[in-house]
C-alpha atoms as a PDB file:
ATOM      1  CA  UNK A   1     113.467  28.296  61.346  1.00  0.00           C
ATOM      2  CA  UNK A   2     111.327  25.350  61.803  1.00  0.00           C
ATOM      3  CA  UNK A   3     107.808  26.421  61.240  1.00  0.00           C
ATOM      4  CA  UNK A   4     104.867  23.910  61.257  1.00  0.00           C
ATOM      5  CA  UNK A   5     100.664  24.419  61.693  1.00  0.00           C
ATOM      6  CA  UNK A   6     100.761  24.360  65.443  1.00  0.00           C
ATOM      7  CA  UNK A   7     103.456  26.871  65.419  1.00  0.00           C
ATOM      8  CA  UNK A   8     102.994  29.494  67.685  1.00  0.00           C
ATOM      9  CA  UNK A   9     104.957  32.984  69.524  1.00  0.00           C
ATOM     10  CA  UNK A  10     105.375  33.909  73.127  1.00  0.00           C
ATOM     11  CA  UNK A  11     103.507  36.892  74.124  1.00  0.00           C
ATOM     12  CA  UNK A  12     105.271  38.940  77.030  1.00  0.00           C
ATOM     13  CA  UNK A  13     102.635  38.273  79.415  1.00  0.00           C
ATOM     14  CA  UNK A  14     102.976  34.447  79.471  1.00  0.00           C
ATOM     15  CA  UNK A  15     100.329  33.369  76.282  1.00  0.00           C
ATOM     16  CA  UNK A  16     101.204  32.223  72.903  1.00  0.00           C
ATOM     17  CA  UNK A  17      99.971  33.489  69.773  1.00  0.00           C
ATOM     18  CA  UNK A  18      99.782  31.146  66.372  1.00  0.00           C
ATOM     19  CA  UNK A  19     102.237  32.740  63.978  1.00  0.00           C
ATOM     20  CA  UNK A  20      99.121  32.257  61.298  1.00  0.00           C
ATOM     21  CA  UNK A  21      95.772  33.946  61.654  1.00  0.00           C
ATOM     22  CA  UNK A  22      92.781  34.052  59.787  1.00  0.00           C
ATOM     23  CA  UNK A  23      91.508  37.432  59.015  1.00  0.00           C
ATOM     24  CA  UNK A  24      87.585  38.377  59.076  1.00  0.00           C
ATOM     25  CA  UNK A  25      87.511  41.470  57.535  1.00  0.00           C
ATOM     26  CA  UNK A  26      85.589  42.052  54.188  1.00  0.00           C
ATOM     27  CA  UNK A  27      84.329  45.134  52.267  1.00  0.00           C
ATOM     28  CA  UNK A  28      80.674  45.935  53.387  1.00  0.00           C
ATOM     29  CA  UNK A  29      79.031  44.817  49.688  1.00  0.00           C
ATOM     30  CA  UNK A  30      79.893  41.159  50.782  1.00  0.00           C
ATOM     31  CA  UNK A  31      77.214  39.032  52.873  1.00  0.00           C
ATOM     32  CA  UNK A  32      78.047  38.868  56.777  1.00  0.00           C
ATOM     33  CA  UNK A  33      77.706  35.221  56.475  1.00  0.00           C
ATOM     34  CA  UNK A  34      80.511  35.072  54.246  1.00  0.00           C
ATOM     35  CA  UNK A  35      82.716  35.451  57.057  1.00  0.00           C
ATOM     36  CA  UNK A  36      80.884  32.786  59.400  1.00  0.00           C
ATOM     37  CA  UNK A  37      81.115  30.325  56.457  1.00  0.00           C
ATOM     38  CA  UNK A  38      84.972  31.243  56.006  1.00  0.00           C
ATOM     39  CA  UNK A  39      85.764  30.803  59.872  1.00  0.00           C
ATOM     40  CA  UNK A  40      84.464  27.482  59.597  1.00  0.00           C
ATOM     41  CA  UNK A  41      86.271  26.175  56.725  1.00  0.00           C
ATOM     42  CA  UNK A  42      89.232  27.967  58.528  1.00  0.00           C
ATOM     43  CA  UNK A  43      89.153  26.452  61.677  1.00  0.00           C
ATOM     44  CA  UNK A  44      88.935  22.685  59.825  1.00  0.00           C
ATOM     45  CA  UNK A  45      91.875  23.379  57.593  1.00  0.00           C
ATOM     46  CA  UNK A  46      94.152  24.346  60.909  1.00  0.00           C
ATOM     47  CA  UNK A  47      93.695  27.660  61.227  1.00  0.00           C
ATOM     48  CA  UNK A  48      93.581  27.922  65.562  1.00  0.00           C
ATOM     49  CA  UNK A  49      94.193  32.340  65.493  1.00  0.00           C
ATOM     50  CA  UNK A  50      90.877  34.389  64.386  1.00  0.00           C
ATOM     51  CA  UNK A  51      91.237  37.827  63.748  1.00  0.00           C
ATOM     52  CA  UNK A  52      87.959  39.931  63.877  1.00  0.00           C
ATOM     53  CA  UNK A  53      86.799  43.656  65.174  1.00  0.00           C
ATOM     54  CA  UNK A  54      83.639  45.733  66.112  1.00  0.00           C
ATOM     55  CA  UNK A  55      84.233  47.929  63.030  1.00  0.00           C
ATOM     56  CA  UNK A  56      83.879  44.869  60.763  1.00  0.00           C
ATOM     57  CA  UNK A  57      79.992  44.414  61.783  1.00  0.00           C
ATOM     58  CA  UNK A  58      80.397  40.362  61.506  1.00  0.00           C
ATOM     59  CA  UNK A  59      80.838  39.244  65.355  1.00  0.00           C
ATOM     60  CA  UNK A  60      77.656  37.999  65.725  1.00  0.00           C
ATOM     61  CA  UNK A  61      78.767  35.594  62.931  1.00  0.00           C
ATOM     62  CA  UNK A  62      82.234  34.900  63.960  1.00  0.00           C
ATOM     63  CA  UNK A  63      81.288  33.677  67.266  1.00  0.00           C
ATOM     64  CA  UNK A  64      78.379  31.260  65.855  1.00  0.00           C
ATOM     65  CA  UNK A  65      80.909  29.670  63.341  1.00  0.00           C
ATOM     66  CA  UNK A  66      83.510  29.402  65.972  1.00  0.00           C
ATOM     67  CA  UNK A  67      80.882  28.058  68.521  1.00  0.00           C
ATOM     68  CA  UNK A  68      79.555  25.571  65.772  1.00  0.00           C
ATOM     69  CA  UNK A  69      83.338  24.411  65.665  1.00  0.00           C
ATOM     70  CA  UNK A  70      83.426  23.700  69.306  1.00  0.00           C
ATOM     71  CA  UNK A  71      80.009  21.995  69.665  1.00  0.00           C
ATOM     72  CA  UNK A  72      81.082  19.859  66.350  1.00  0.00           C
ATOM     73  CA  UNK A  73      84.384  18.500  68.426  1.00  0.00           C
ATOM     74  CA  UNK A  74      86.943  19.935  65.516  1.00  0.00           C
ATOM     75  CA  UNK A  75      88.355  22.126  68.053  1.00  0.00           C
ATOM     76  CA  UNK A  76      88.259  23.042  71.960  1.00  0.00           C
ATOM     77  CA  UNK A  77      87.945  26.945  73.046  1.00  0.00           C
ATOM     78  CA  UNK A  78      91.037  26.667  74.983  1.00  0.00           C
ATOM     79  CA  UNK A  79      92.780  25.702  71.428  1.00  0.00           C
ATOM     80  CA  UNK A  80      91.255  29.202  69.654  1.00  0.00           C
ATOM     81  CA  UNK A  81      92.912  32.487  69.579  1.00  0.00           C
ATOM     82  CA  UNK A  82      90.474  35.027  69.141  1.00  0.00           C
ATOM     83  CA  UNK A  83      91.686  38.567  68.842  1.00  0.00           C
ATOM     84  CA  UNK A  84      88.808  41.658  68.770  1.00  0.00           C
ATOM     85  CA  UNK A  85      89.256  45.578  68.821  1.00  0.00           C
ATOM     86  CA  UNK A  86      88.410  48.725  70.642  1.00  0.00           C
ATOM     87  CA  UNK A  87      86.714  50.914  68.168  1.00  0.00           C
ATOM     88  CA  UNK A  88      87.494  54.587  68.112  1.00  0.00           C
ATOM     89  CA  UNK A  89      84.439  55.882  69.651  1.00  0.00           C
ATOM     90  CA  UNK A  90      84.962  53.133  72.690  1.00  0.00           C
ATOM     91  CA  UNK A  91      88.473  54.919  74.064  1.00  0.00           C
ATOM     92  CA  UNK A  92      87.078  56.948  76.898  1.00  0.00           C
ATOM     93  CA  UNK A  93      87.768  54.831  80.052  1.00  0.00           C
ATOM     94  CA  UNK A  94      84.329  54.374  80.701  1.00  0.00           C
ATOM     95  CA  UNK A  95      83.269  53.134  77.517  1.00  0.00           C
ATOM     96  CA  UNK A  96      86.088  50.318  77.024  1.00  0.00           C
ATOM     97  CA  UNK A  97      84.671  47.572  79.125  1.00  0.00           C
ATOM     98  CA  UNK A  98      81.345  47.962  77.752  1.00  0.00           C
ATOM     99  CA  UNK A  99      82.421  47.727  74.288  1.00  0.00           C
ATOM    100  CA  UNK A 100      84.444  44.649  75.162  1.00  0.00           C
ATOM    101  CA  UNK A 101      81.335  43.192  76.879  1.00  0.00           C
ATOM    102  CA  UNK A 102      78.887  43.889  73.578  1.00  0.00           C
ATOM    103  CA  UNK A 103      81.508  42.279  71.984  1.00  0.00           C
ATOM    104  CA  UNK A 104      81.199  39.125  73.827  1.00  0.00           C
ATOM    105  CA  UNK A 105      78.030  38.897  74.306  1.00  0.00           C
ATOM    106  CA  UNK A 106      77.626  39.223  70.254  1.00  0.00           C
ATOM    107  CA  UNK A 107      80.308  36.570  70.008  1.00  0.00           C
ATOM    108  CA  UNK A 108      78.769  34.594  72.643  1.00  0.00           C
ATOM    109  CA  UNK A 109      82.266  33.963  74.268  1.00  0.00           C
ATOM    110  CA  UNK A 110      83.236  33.810  77.963  1.00  0.00           C
ATOM    111  CA  UNK A 111      86.569  35.842  77.084  1.00  0.00           C
ATOM    112  CA  UNK A 112      89.118  36.918  74.335  1.00  0.00           C
ATOM    113  CA  UNK A 113      92.247  35.562  73.991  1.00  0.00           C
ATOM    114  CA  UNK A 114      93.629  39.484  72.398  1.00  0.00           C
ATOM    115  CA  UNK A 115      91.770  42.869  73.118  1.00  0.00           C
ATOM    116  CA  UNK A 116      94.018  45.419  71.213  1.00  0.00           C
ATOM    117  CA  UNK A 117      92.662  49.504  70.776  1.00  0.00           C
ATOM    118  CA  UNK A 118      92.055  49.380  67.039  1.00  0.00           C
ATOM    119  CA  UNK A 119      93.369  52.495  66.234  1.00  0.00           C
ATOM    120  CA  UNK A 120      95.153  55.587  67.716  1.00  0.00           C
ATOM    121  CA  UNK A 121      93.165  58.135  66.589  1.00  0.00           C
ATOM    122  CA  UNK A 122      89.493  58.587  68.370  1.00  0.00           C
ATOM    123  CA  UNK A 123      86.236  59.846  67.202  1.00  0.00           C
ATOM    124  CA  UNK A 124      83.261  61.577  69.313  1.00  0.00           C
ATOM    125  CA  UNK A 125      81.892  58.773  71.359  1.00  0.00           C
ATOM    126  CA  UNK A 126      78.307  57.916  70.709  1.00  0.00           C
ATOM    127  CA  UNK A 127      76.092  55.513  68.649  1.00  0.00           C
ATOM    128  CA  UNK A 128      77.832  56.163  65.490  1.00  0.00           C
ATOM    129  CA  UNK A 129      80.928  54.795  64.663  1.00  0.00           C
ATOM    130  CA  UNK A 130      81.975  57.252  61.990  1.00  0.00           C
ATOM    131  CA  UNK A 131      80.526  60.630  63.156  1.00  0.00           C
ATOM    132  CA  UNK A 132      80.913  63.345  60.412  1.00  0.00           C
ATOM    133  CA  UNK A 133      80.432  66.848  60.929  1.00  0.00           C
ATOM    134  CA  UNK A 134      78.061  69.382  58.691  1.00  0.00           C
ATOM    135  CA  UNK A 135      81.365  70.159  56.934  1.00  0.00           C
ATOM    136  CA  UNK A 136      81.688  66.395  55.927  1.00  0.00           C
ATOM    137  CA  UNK A 137      85.066  65.812  57.722  1.00  0.00           C
ATOM    138  CA  UNK A 138      85.098  63.252  60.862  1.00  0.00           C
ATOM    139  CA  UNK A 139      84.436  64.717  64.888  1.00  0.00           C
ATOM    140  CA  UNK A 140      87.340  63.709  66.544  1.00  0.00           C
ATOM    141  CA  UNK A 141      87.684  63.344  70.509  1.00  0.00           C
ATOM    142  CA  UNK A 142      91.070  63.159  72.200  1.00  0.00           C
ATOM    143  CA  UNK A 143      91.423  60.899  75.580  1.00  0.00           C
ATOM    144  CA  UNK A 144      95.005  60.204  76.632  1.00  0.00           C
ATOM    145  CA  UNK A 145      96.018  56.925  75.536  1.00  0.00           C
ATOM    146  CA  UNK A 146      97.254  56.112  78.917  1.00  0.00           C
ATOM    147  CA  UNK A 147      94.059  56.212  80.434  1.00  0.00           C
ATOM    148  CA  UNK A 148      92.588  54.296  77.820  1.00  0.00           C
ATOM    149  CA  UNK A 149      95.253  51.436  78.535  1.00  0.00           C
ATOM    150  CA  UNK A 150      94.552  51.450  82.376  1.00  0.00           C
ATOM    151  CA  UNK A 151      90.978  50.662  81.525  1.00  0.00           C
ATOM    152  CA  UNK A 152      92.410  47.766  79.231  1.00  0.00           C
ATOM    153  CA  UNK A 153      94.737  46.508  82.046  1.00  0.00           C
ATOM    154  CA  UNK A 154      91.506  46.083  84.437  1.00  0.00           C
ATOM    155  CA  UNK A 155      89.374  44.699  81.632  1.00  0.00           C
ATOM    156  CA  UNK A 156      92.493  41.880  81.974  1.00  0.00           C
ATOM    157  CA  UNK A 157      92.514  41.717  85.726  1.00  0.00           C
ATOM    158  CA  UNK A 158      88.702  40.963  85.603  1.00  0.00           C
ATOM    159  CA  UNK A 159      89.128  38.288  83.052  1.00  0.00           C
ATOM    160  CA  UNK A 160      87.303  39.065  79.914  1.00  0.00           C
ATOM    161  CA  UNK A 161      90.715  39.509  78.116  1.00  0.00           C
ATOM    162  CA  UNK A 162      93.800  37.097  78.660  1.00  0.00           C
ATOM    163  CA  UNK A 163      96.179  39.591  76.597  1.00  0.00           C
ATOM    164  CA  UNK A 164      95.861  43.308  75.369  1.00  0.00           C
ATOM    165  CA  UNK A 165      97.660  45.044  72.724  1.00  0.00           C
ATOM    166  CA  UNK A 166      97.674  48.153  70.240  1.00  0.00           C
ATOM    167  CA  UNK A 167      97.062  48.387  66.636  1.00  0.00           C
ATOM    168  CA  UNK A 168      98.300  51.369  64.034  1.00  0.00           C
ATOM    169  CA  UNK A 169     100.695  52.899  66.559  1.00  0.00           C
ATOM    170  CA  UNK A 170     103.861  54.358  66.019  1.00  0.00           C
ATOM    171  CA  UNK A 171     106.802  53.882  68.067  1.00  0.00           C
ATOM    172  CA  UNK A 172     106.314  57.209  70.087  1.00  0.00           C
ATOM    173  CA  UNK A 173     102.878  55.993  70.446  1.00  0.00           C
ATOM    174  CA  UNK A 174     104.175  52.306  71.844  1.00  0.00           C
ATOM    175  CA  UNK A 175     106.756  54.550  74.049  1.00  0.00           C
ATOM    176  CA  UNK A 176     103.731  56.532  75.779  1.00  0.00           C
ATOM    177  CA  UNK A 177     102.142  53.496  76.947  1.00  0.00           C
ATOM    178  CA  UNK A 178     105.553  51.486  78.071  1.00  0.00           C
ATOM    179  CA  UNK A 179     106.735  54.578  79.935  1.00  0.00           C
ATOM    180  CA  UNK A 180     103.552  55.470  81.591  1.00  0.00           C
ATOM    181  CA  UNK A 181     103.617  55.529  85.434  1.00  0.00           C
ATOM    182  CA  UNK A 182     101.839  52.566  86.911  1.00  0.00           C
ATOM    183  CA  UNK A 183     102.177  50.700  84.199  1.00  0.00           C
ATOM    184  CA  UNK A 184     101.178  46.996  84.799  1.00  0.00           C
ATOM    185  CA  UNK A 185     100.967  45.223  81.558  1.00  0.00           C
ATOM    186  CA  UNK A 186     102.671  46.076  78.311  1.00  0.00           C
ATOM    187  CA  UNK A 187     101.399  45.490  74.924  1.00  0.00           C
ATOM    188  CA  UNK A 188     102.042  42.292  73.752  1.00  0.00           C
ATOM    189  CA  UNK A 189     101.335  43.241  69.924  1.00  0.00           C
ATOM    190  CA  UNK A 190     100.937  45.858  67.943  1.00  0.00           C
ATOM    191  CA  UNK A 191      99.358  45.129  64.308  1.00  0.00           C
ATOM    192  CA  UNK A 192     100.059  46.931  61.334  1.00  0.00           C
ATOM    193  CA  UNK A 193      99.644  47.072  57.379  1.00  0.00           C
ATOM    194  CA  UNK A 194     103.125  44.973  56.771  1.00  0.00           C
ATOM    195  CA  UNK A 195     103.355  43.763  53.466  1.00  0.00           C
ATOM    196  CA  UNK A 196     106.527  43.266  50.906  1.00  0.00           C
ATOM    197  CA  UNK A 197     105.989  47.077  49.422  1.00  0.00           C
ATOM    198  CA  UNK A 198     105.745  48.175  53.228  1.00  0.00           C
ATOM    199  CA  UNK A 199     107.733  45.720  54.995  1.00  0.00           C
ATOM    200  CA  UNK A 200     108.162  48.000  58.605  1.00  0.00           C
ATOM    201  CA  UNK A 201     111.525  46.888  59.310  1.00  0.00           C
ATOM    202  CA  UNK A 202     112.288  50.033  61.529  1.00  0.00           C
ATOM    203  CA  UNK A 203     108.892  48.950  63.531  1.00  0.00           C
ATOM    204  CA  UNK A 204     109.440  45.442  63.759  1.00  0.00           C
ATOM    205  CA  UNK A 205     113.224  46.176  64.900  1.00  0.00           C
ATOM    206  CA  UNK A 206     111.666  48.197  67.704  1.00  0.00           C
ATOM    207  CA  UNK A 207     109.114  46.515  68.624  1.00  0.00           C
ATOM    208  CA  UNK A 208     111.401  42.999  69.002  1.00  0.00           C
ATOM    209  CA  UNK A 209     113.343  45.522  71.196  1.00  0.00           C
ATOM    210  CA  UNK A 210     110.810  46.076  73.389  1.00  0.00           C
ATOM    211  CA  UNK A 211     109.417  42.200  73.478  1.00  0.00           C
ATOM    212  CA  UNK A 212     106.314  43.573  71.410  1.00  0.00           C
ATOM    213  CA  UNK A 213     105.317  41.172  68.648  1.00  0.00           C
ATOM    214  CA  UNK A 214     104.445  42.596  65.522  1.00  0.00           C
ATOM    215  CA  UNK A 215     101.478  41.571  63.455  1.00  0.00           C
ATOM    216  CA  UNK A 216     100.711  42.141  59.974  1.00  0.00           C
ATOM    217  CA  UNK A 217      97.726  42.605  58.199  1.00  0.00           C
ATOM    218  CA  UNK A 218      97.020  43.406  54.481  1.00  0.00           C
ATOM    219  CA  UNK A 219     100.154  40.340  54.051  1.00  0.00           C
ATOM    220  CA  UNK A 220      98.482  39.785  50.588  1.00  0.00           C
ATOM    221  CA  UNK A 221      97.989  43.464  49.762  1.00  0.00           C
ATOM    222  CA  UNK A 222      94.641  44.180  51.570  1.00  0.00           C
ATOM    223  CA  UNK A 223      91.071  43.665  49.940  1.00  0.00           C
ATOM    224  CA  UNK A 224      90.529  45.587  47.310  1.00  0.00           C
ATOM    225  CA  UNK A 225      88.431  48.126  49.145  1.00  0.00           C
ATOM    226  CA  UNK A 226      86.757  51.049  47.299  1.00  0.00           C
ATOM    227  CA  UNK A 227      86.248  52.747  50.564  1.00  0.00           C
ATOM    228  CA  UNK A 228      90.028  52.425  52.136  1.00  0.00           C
ATOM    229  CA  UNK A 229      92.391  51.246  49.319  1.00  0.00           C
ATOM    230  CA  UNK A 230      93.998  53.445  46.517  1.00  0.00           C
ATOM    231  CA  UNK A 231      92.781  51.652  43.109  1.00  0.00           C
ATOM    232  CA  UNK A 232      95.769  52.688  41.336  1.00  0.00           C
ATOM    233  CA  UNK A 233      98.253  50.969  43.574  1.00  0.00           C
ATOM    234  CA  UNK A 234      99.615  47.883  42.198  1.00  0.00           C
ATOM    235  CA  UNK A 235      98.466  44.757  42.983  1.00  0.00           C
ATOM    236  CA  UNK A 236     100.964  42.874  45.426  1.00  0.00           C
ATOM    237  CA  UNK A 237     100.572  39.284  44.108  1.00  0.00           C
ATOM    238  CA  UNK A 238     101.768  40.182  40.631  1.00  0.00           C
ATOM    239  CA  UNK A 239     105.182  41.422  41.900  1.00  0.00           C
ATOM    240  CA  UNK A 240     107.711  39.734  39.586  1.00  0.00           C
ATOM    241  CA  UNK A 241     110.212  38.997  42.364  1.00  0.00           C
ATOM    242  CA  UNK A 242     107.440  37.554  44.218  1.00  0.00           C
ATOM    243  CA  UNK A 243     106.408  35.290  41.325  1.00  0.00           C
ATOM    244  CA  UNK A 244     110.063  34.469  40.193  1.00  0.00           C
ATOM    245  CA  UNK A 245     110.613  33.335  44.127  1.00  0.00           C
ATOM    246  CA  UNK A 246     107.297  31.079  44.043  1.00  0.00           C
ATOM    247  CA  UNK A 247     108.025  29.443  40.688  1.00  0.00           C
ATOM    248  CA  UNK A 248     111.690  28.800  42.356  1.00  0.00           C
ATOM    249  CA  UNK A 249     109.732  26.466  45.496  1.00  0.00           C
ATOM    250  CA  UNK A 250     106.826  25.430  43.102  1.00  0.00           C
ATOM    251  CA  UNK A 251     104.176  27.882  44.931  1.00  0.00           C
ATOM    252  CA  UNK A 252     101.548  30.504  44.882  1.00  0.00           C
ATOM    253  CA  UNK A 253     103.154  33.931  45.572  1.00  0.00           C
ATOM    254  CA  UNK A 254     100.603  34.507  48.554  1.00  0.00           C
ATOM    255  CA  UNK A 255     102.664  31.392  49.539  1.00  0.00           C
ATOM    256  CA  UNK A 256     106.118  33.283  49.328  1.00  0.00           C
ATOM    257  CA  UNK A 257     104.583  36.559  50.925  1.00  0.00           C
ATOM    258  CA  UNK A 258     103.132  35.261  53.876  1.00  0.00           C
ATOM    259  CA  UNK A 259     106.253  33.172  54.215  1.00  0.00           C
ATOM    260  CA  UNK A 260     108.599  36.047  54.180  1.00  0.00           C
ATOM    261  CA  UNK A 261     106.194  37.546  57.419  1.00  0.00           C
ATOM    262  CA  UNK A 262     106.941  34.280  59.592  1.00  0.00           C
ATOM    263  CA  UNK A 263     110.603  33.651  59.131  1.00  0.00           C
ATOM    264  CA  UNK A 264     110.711  37.523  59.796  1.00  0.00           C
ATOM    265  CA  UNK A 265     108.835  36.373  63.489  1.00  0.00           C
ATOM    266  CA  UNK A 266     106.208  38.725  62.315  1.00  0.00           C
ATOM    267  CA  UNK A 267     102.652  37.014  63.129  1.00  0.00           C
ATOM    268  CA  UNK A 268     100.957  36.940  59.698  1.00  0.00           C
ATOM    269  CA  UNK A 269      97.367  37.269  59.055  1.00  0.00           C
ATOM    270  CA  UNK A 270      95.567  35.730  55.830  1.00  0.00           C
ATOM    271  CA  UNK A 271      92.327  36.917  54.699  1.00  0.00           C
ATOM    272  CA  UNK A 272      89.762  35.203  52.180  1.00  0.00           C
ATOM    273  CA  UNK A 273      86.378  33.735  51.818  1.00  0.00           C
ATOM    274  CA  UNK A 274      87.071  31.168  48.771  1.00  0.00           C
ATOM    275  CA  UNK A 275      87.480  27.766  50.651  1.00  0.00           C
ATOM    276  CA  UNK A 276      90.056  26.447  48.068  1.00  0.00           C
ATOM    277  CA  UNK A 277      92.220  29.651  48.740  1.00  0.00           C
ATOM    278  CA  UNK A 278      92.144  29.366  52.521  1.00  0.00           C
ATOM    279  CA  UNK A 279      92.946  25.779  52.422  1.00  0.00           C
ATOM    280  CA  UNK A 280      95.647  26.683  49.966  1.00  0.00           C
ATOM    281  CA  UNK A 281      97.019  29.420  52.148  1.00  0.00           C
ATOM    282  CA  UNK A 282      97.696  27.114  54.878  1.00  0.00           C
ATOM    283  CA  UNK A 283     100.172  25.102  52.638  1.00  0.00           C
ATOM    284  CA  UNK A 284     102.762  27.885  53.707  1.00  0.00           C
ATOM    285  CA  UNK A 285     104.549  25.664  56.249  1.00  0.00           C
ATOM    286  CA  UNK A 286     105.194  23.442  53.304  1.00  0.00           C
ATOM    287  CA  UNK A 287     108.084  25.987  52.180  1.00  0.00           C
ATOM    288  CA  UNK A 288     111.154  27.178  53.459  1.00  0.00           C
ATOM    289  CA  UNK A 289     112.904  30.781  51.949  1.00  0.00           C
ATOM    290  CA  UNK A 290     116.595  30.809  51.749  1.00  0.00           C
ATOM    291  CA  UNK A 291     119.050  33.996  52.865  1.00  0.00           C
ATOM    292  CA  UNK A 292     119.087  35.129  48.905  1.00  0.00           C
ATOM    293  CA  UNK A 293     114.942  34.974  48.655  1.00  0.00           C
ATOM    294  CA  UNK A 294     114.461  37.009  51.897  1.00  0.00           C
ATOM    295  CA  UNK A 295     117.375  39.747  50.858  1.00  0.00           C
ATOM    296  CA  UNK A 296     115.070  40.064  47.538  1.00  0.00           C
ATOM    297  CA  UNK A 297     112.111  40.496  49.138  1.00  0.00           C
ATOM    298  CA  UNK A 298     113.594  43.005  51.278  1.00  0.00           C
ATOM    299  CA  UNK A 299     114.438  44.813  47.929  1.00  0.00           C
ATOM    300  CA  UNK A 300     111.172  45.106  46.788  1.00  0.00           C
ATOM    301  CA  UNK A 301     109.852  47.762  49.810  1.00  0.00           C
ATOM    302  CA  UNK A 302     108.288  51.178  49.012  1.00  0.00           C
ATOM    303  CA  UNK A 303     107.155  52.446  52.470  1.00  0.00           C
ATOM    304  CA  UNK A 304     103.827  52.018  50.297  1.00  0.00           C
ATOM    305  CA  UNK A 305     100.548  51.884  52.088  1.00  0.00           C
ATOM    306  CA  UNK A 306      97.578  50.237  50.712  1.00  0.00           C
ATOM    307  CA  UNK A 307      95.402  51.683  53.303  1.00  0.00           C
ATOM    308  CA  UNK A 308      94.627  55.305  52.996  1.00  0.00           C
ATOM    309  CA  UNK A 309      93.415  57.102  56.073  1.00  0.00           C
ATOM    310  CA  UNK A 310      95.101  60.537  55.254  1.00  0.00           C
ATOM    311  CA  UNK A 311      91.011  62.091  56.026  1.00  0.00           C
ATOM    312  CA  UNK A 312      91.830  61.350  59.989  1.00  0.00           C
ATOM    313  CA  UNK A 313      95.618  63.117  59.216  1.00  0.00           C
ATOM    314  CA  UNK A 314      94.683  66.168  61.505  1.00  0.00           C
ATOM    315  CA  UNK A 315      93.848  64.451  64.090  1.00  0.00           C
ATOM    316  CA  UNK A 316      96.650  64.811  66.855  1.00  0.00           C
ATOM    317  CA  UNK A 317      97.108  61.101  67.785  1.00  0.00           C
ATOM    318  CA  UNK A 318      97.393  60.558  63.497  1.00  0.00           C
ATOM    319  CA  UNK A 319     100.210  57.785  63.715  1.00  0.00           C
ATOM    320  CA  UNK A 320     101.528  58.067  60.091  1.00  0.00           C
ATOM    321  CA  UNK A 321     103.160  61.249  60.753  1.00  0.00           C
ATOM    322  CA  UNK A 322     105.962  59.410  62.054  1.00  0.00           C
ATOM    323  CA  UNK A 323     109.053  57.806  59.798  1.00  0.00           C
ATOM    324  CA  UNK A 324     107.726  54.230  61.812  1.00  0.00           C
END
């Protein structure tokens, strides 16, 4: 597979997604302007795919960075692929378009390239993004995902977004959308946690069979966010097999972890706010893994999730009770 910095993958609606994306999530303890500076560096380096979300709380800053790079002539809007996400308090159909419009206003963009349902789990609609009851448990809501999807289709028809997709869906939830009466647009992608310890091989195979792109977050092991990440889990980039392959190719373990995904036909999201690392990650196009490398990395899989949302496991749409 020949991959280069301008490589993209075709989506089932005719649009194109760059195979390497720049992730903008950071734990709350980090200042929001780090995302702004990070996006500027990423665009300067050559990233053309920017991944963000309402719940990250930094759409204003990310939008400012995008507009700055357009203004200084580094890039044109049509050369960028921007992904936003519908948060879990906005799944009621009447709340979908206003949520998209709010994000566009914060970003000061006319349209998104991709808008995805952030999570099948839904919280009680309201101003609080994580509503909690007196018992300390989340207050859930349960809109039919098909009704949410219809509202997304209307957003696509309105021109506010070019493509629509999902995130953190299992194969049964994808099938629910694919088999819904009157389906107008299939999801173009399913963005999920995917890395050497959770290679999602069955979900990847399913998505490919339905012409849905798998987009991987947490490729480098996920930010060590105390709120979401089990701190006892192994540090992905210290894996000995990964490091042995990196030594063989005279590159970093991060390059190997990302390249593995790209060669499987997975779109990889890389996350860092360190300028030197942002630049270095983009060198993933300079290496090529052989069949033995790919097989050895396949063998690392443990079905281990870094992102722990078991606190939401009582929700009827909790996605991870299914194997894939």
